[in-house]
Amino acid sequence: MTYLSLMNVHSGAFGEVYKGVLNKTGQIVAIKIIKRGDTMKEWHVMARLAGHQHILRPIALVEGPKHVAYVLEFAKGGDLFSYAENKGFEVPEEDVRTITRQIVAALLRIVFIAWYANAILQPENVLFKDASHSHALLADFGAAEVLGESSAPVTRPVGTLHYMAPEVLRCWPGAEDIVDEGVPRGFGMLADNWSLGVLVYVLLHGK
């Protein structure tokens, strides 16, 4: 398969994302580029989660001498943060309920089928399949952590400050100055619940 890159659509901690097209068919795709030496954990996570209607679909893995490309489904409706911003961060409650149900369905797949904690749930990582904004897709699993029924809490500092559960924030150096000492250091599957609650608040009431 040969892909033609069109334009950069997102820059993040885990790579650059471009809008591209499959030359033979004209299919529009997203192409995430990471350095060859970086971990490919995100691809393995997406491959394991593939098939769920509310998780961004992986299409192909293309390996080069210096970089690796994840070819992904292109979400034509943009991201949830931009959607909420366009509505003045006053998204109708019925729309918020629909979006939340879809995110929860994706999280249940991640937690109970694949045993991961997403770790960076935020509006920028929730995409829409098309311009109707009625079909949400969870994306960006670069910080996902493998868990197990009896695994120890994850202590690696990850996430975006405004959406971090206290136990996630506790993993960051210097956090003892702003987080109650009674909060345990380390997180598991429940940390995504906190992030989801903050996300819902942002949709309804603003940043």
Protein backbone atom coordinates (compact mmCIF):
# COMPACT_ATOMS: atom_id res chain seq x y z
CA MET A 1 0.00 0.00 0.00
CA THR A 2 1.27 3.47 -0.89
CA TYR A 3 0.14 6.50 1.09
CA LEU A 4 0.44 10.16 0.19
CA SER A 5 0.67 12.50 3.17
CA LEU A 6 -1.44 15.64 2.82
CA MET A 7 -1.20 17.80 5.94
CA ASN A 8 -0.29 17.78 9.62
CA VAL A 9 -3.41 17.64 11.78
CA HIS A 10 -2.01 17.03 15.27
CA SER A 11 1.25 17.12 17.21
CA GLY A 12 1.51 15.24 20.48
CA ALA A 13 3.90 13.69 22.95
CA PHE A 14 3.72 10.35 21.16
CA GLY A 15 4.13 11.44 17.54
CA GLU A 16 2.91 13.59 14.66
CA VAL A 17 -0.42 12.87 12.97
CA TYR A 18 -1.05 13.62 9.29
CA LYS A 19 -4.05 13.41 7.02
CA GLY A 20 -3.22 11.12 4.13
CA VAL A 21 -4.74 9.31 1.18
CA LEU A 22 -4.33 5.77 -0.12
CA ASN A 23 -3.14 6.29 -3.70
CA LYS A 24 -4.87 3.26 -5.20
CA THR A 25 -8.34 3.82 -3.75
CA GLY A 26 -8.40 7.45 -2.65
CA GLN A 27 -9.34 6.44 0.91
CA ILE A 28 -8.64 9.23 3.41
CA VAL A 29 -6.66 8.02 6.43
CA ALA A 30 -4.80 9.36 9.45
CA ILE A 31 -1.07 8.60 9.56
CA LYS A 32 0.71 8.77 12.90
CA ILE A 33 4.50 8.95 12.63
CA ILE A 34 6.79 7.91 15.49
CA LYS A 35 10.56 7.51 15.62
CA ARG A 36 11.87 4.03 14.95
CA GLY A 37 13.38 3.71 18.43
CA ASP A 38 10.18 4.68 20.27
CA THR A 39 7.96 2.08 21.84
CA MET A 40 5.29 0.54 19.61
CA LYS A 41 3.09 -0.26 22.59
CA GLU A 42 0.31 1.98 21.27
CA TRP A 43 0.01 -0.06 18.07
CA HIS A 44 -0.23 -3.30 20.03
CA VAL A 45 -2.93 -1.76 22.24
CA MET A 46 -4.96 -0.59 19.23
CA ALA A 47 -4.58 -3.94 17.49
CA ARG A 48 -5.91 -5.72 20.57
CA LEU A 49 -8.86 -3.33 20.86
CA ALA A 50 -9.68 -3.36 17.14
CA GLY A 51 -13.27 -4.02 16.18
CA HIS A 52 -15.03 -1.95 18.82
CA GLN A 53 -17.37 0.61 17.28
CA HIS A 54 -16.21 3.42 19.60
CA ILE A 55 -12.44 2.90 19.33
CA LEU A 56 -10.44 4.37 16.43
CA ARG A 57 -9.71 1.60 13.93
CA PRO A 58 -6.09 0.70 13.04
CA ILE A 59 -5.59 -0.07 9.33
CA ALA A 60 -1.92 -0.85 8.72
CA LEU A 61 1.56 -0.63 10.22
CA VAL A 62 4.27 0.69 7.88
CA GLU A 63 7.89 0.42 9.03
CA GLY A 64 10.73 2.48 7.59
CA PRO A 65 14.45 2.75 8.40
CA LYS A 66 14.02 5.74 10.76
CA HIS A 67 10.29 6.00 11.43
CA VAL A 68 7.19 3.86 11.90
CA ALA A 69 3.77 4.89 10.60
CA TYR A 70 0.45 3.87 12.09
CA VAL A 71 -2.22 4.10 9.39
CA LEU A 72 -5.54 4.74 11.12
CA GLU A 73 -9.17 5.46 10.41
CA PHE A 74 -9.62 9.18 9.69
CA ALA A 75 -12.21 10.79 11.97
CA LYS A 76 -13.92 13.37 9.77
CA GLY A 77 -15.80 15.07 12.61
CA GLY A 78 -12.75 16.41 14.45
CA ASP A 79 -12.18 16.15 18.20
CA LEU A 80 -14.47 16.61 21.17
CA PHE A 81 -12.67 19.66 22.54
CA SER A 82 -13.15 21.60 19.29
CA TYR A 83 -16.79 20.50 19.18
CA ALA A 84 -17.40 21.74 22.73
CA GLU A 85 -15.49 24.96 22.07
CA ASN A 86 -17.70 25.70 19.05
CA LYS A 87 -20.72 25.37 21.34
CA GLY A 88 -19.24 27.71 23.93
CA PHE A 89 -18.65 24.75 26.26
CA GLU A 90 -22.39 24.41 26.77
CA VAL A 91 -23.07 21.13 24.99
CA PRO A 92 -26.74 20.04 25.28
CA GLU A 93 -27.26 17.48 28.04
CA GLU A 94 -28.73 14.89 25.67
CA ASP A 95 -25.61 15.12 23.48
CA VAL A 96 -23.38 14.81 26.56
CA ARG A 97 -25.29 11.69 27.65
CA THR A 98 -24.83 10.11 24.22
CA ILE A 99 -21.12 10.93 24.07
CA THR A 100 -20.57 9.72 27.64
CA ARG A 101 -22.32 6.40 26.99
CA GLN A 102 -20.09 5.83 23.97
CA ILE A 103 -16.90 6.70 25.86
CA VAL A 104 -17.92 4.38 28.71
CA ALA A 105 -18.54 1.57 26.20
CA ALA A 106 -15.00 2.06 24.86
CA LEU A 107 -13.50 2.19 28.37
CA LEU A 108 -15.27 -1.04 29.31
CA ARG A 109 -13.67 -2.68 26.29
CA ILE A 110 -10.26 -1.35 27.31
CA VAL A 111 -10.54 -2.34 30.96
CA PHE A 112 -12.41 -5.64 30.96
CA ILE A 113 -11.33 -7.12 27.63
CA ALA A 114 -7.76 -5.90 27.23
CA TRP A 115 -6.83 -5.00 30.85
CA TYR A 116 -5.51 -1.50 30.19
CA ALA A 117 -5.84 1.87 31.87
CA ASN A 118 -6.14 4.55 29.20
CA ALA A 119 -4.37 7.13 31.42
CA ILE A 120 -4.86 10.16 29.13
CA LEU A 121 -8.62 10.46 28.71
CA GLN A 122 -9.36 14.04 27.66
CA PRO A 123 -11.58 15.77 25.04
CA GLU A 124 -8.73 16.10 22.53
CA ASN A 125 -8.43 12.30 22.46
CA VAL A 126 -12.10 11.70 21.71
CA LEU A 127 -12.86 12.00 17.99
CA PHE A 128 -16.02 11.97 15.90
CA LYS A 129 -16.49 9.55 13.04
CA ASP A 130 -18.19 12.18 10.87
CA ALA A 131 -19.62 15.70 10.88
CA SER A 132 -22.88 14.58 12.51
CA HIS A 133 -20.96 14.39 15.81
CA SER A 134 -23.14 11.48 16.89
CA HIS A 135 -20.52 8.71 16.85
CA ALA A 136 -17.56 9.14 19.23
CA LEU A 137 -14.26 7.29 18.87
CA LEU A 138 -11.66 6.94 21.62
CA ALA A 139 -8.14 7.53 20.29
CA ASP A 140 -4.51 7.97 21.39
CA PHE A 141 -3.31 5.08 23.52
CA GLY A 142 0.32 6.14 23.78
CA ALA A 143 0.15 6.30 27.58
CA ALA A 144 -2.02 3.20 28.10
CA GLU A 145 -0.78 0.96 30.88
CA VAL A 146 -1.12 -2.82 30.99
CA LEU A 147 -2.90 -4.00 34.12
CA GLY A 148 -4.01 -7.26 35.63
CA GLU A 149 -6.42 -8.44 38.27
CA SER A 150 -3.66 -8.48 40.88
CA SER A 151 -1.12 -6.08 39.36
CA ALA A 152 0.51 -3.36 41.45
CA PRO A 153 -0.59 0.26 40.88
CA VAL A 154 1.11 2.09 38.01
CA THR A 155 3.49 4.79 39.25
CA ARG A 156 4.77 6.19 35.94
CA PRO A 157 3.89 9.91 35.62
CA VAL A 158 1.45 10.29 32.71
CA GLY A 159 -1.59 12.31 31.76
CA THR A 160 -2.78 15.88 31.33
CA LEU A 161 -2.92 17.94 34.52
CA HIS A 162 -6.52 19.15 34.36
CA TYR A 163 -7.89 15.62 33.86
CA MET A 164 -5.64 13.71 36.27
CA ALA A 165 -7.09 11.75 39.16
CA PRO A 166 -5.34 12.64 42.45
CA GLU A 167 -3.58 9.27 42.56
CA VAL A 168 -2.18 9.92 39.05
CA LEU A 169 -1.01 13.41 39.97
CA ARG A 170 0.65 11.91 43.05
CA CYS A 171 3.07 10.08 40.71
CA TRP A 172 4.60 13.33 39.46
CA PRO A 173 7.72 14.79 41.15
CA GLY A 174 6.80 17.58 43.55
CA ALA A 175 3.15 16.55 43.70
CA GLU A 176 3.38 16.04 47.46
CA ASP A 177 3.18 19.84 47.75
CA ILE A 178 -0.28 20.01 46.17
CA VAL A 179 -1.85 16.59 46.81
CA ASP A 180 -3.01 15.46 50.23
CA GLU A 181 -0.51 13.04 51.75
CA GLY A 182 -3.32 10.57 52.33
CA VAL A 183 -3.73 10.06 48.57
CA PRO A 184 -1.95 6.86 47.49
CA ARG A 185 0.84 7.06 44.93
CA GLY A 186 -0.06 4.95 41.92
CA PHE A 187 -3.17 4.33 39.84
CA GLY A 188 -5.21 1.62 38.19
CA MET A 189 -8.36 1.28 36.13
CA LEU A 190 -10.45 3.62 38.28
CA ALA A 191 -8.31 6.65 37.38
CA ASP A 192 -10.14 6.92 34.05
CA ASN A 193 -13.42 7.40 35.95
CA TRP A 194 -12.11 10.66 37.44
CA SER A 195 -10.94 11.87 34.03
CA LEU A 196 -14.33 11.07 32.53
CA GLY A 197 -16.06 13.07 35.26
CA VAL A 198 -13.89 16.11 34.53
CA LEU A 199 -14.52 15.69 30.81
CA VAL A 200 -18.30 15.69 31.33
CA TYR A 201 -18.06 18.81 33.50
CA VAL A 202 -16.06 20.60 30.79
CA LEU A 203 -18.67 19.75 28.16
CA LEU A 204 -21.51 21.08 30.30
CA HIS A 205 -19.97 24.04 32.09
CA GLY A 206 -16.77 25.11 30.37
CA LYS A 207 -13.04 24.90 30.91
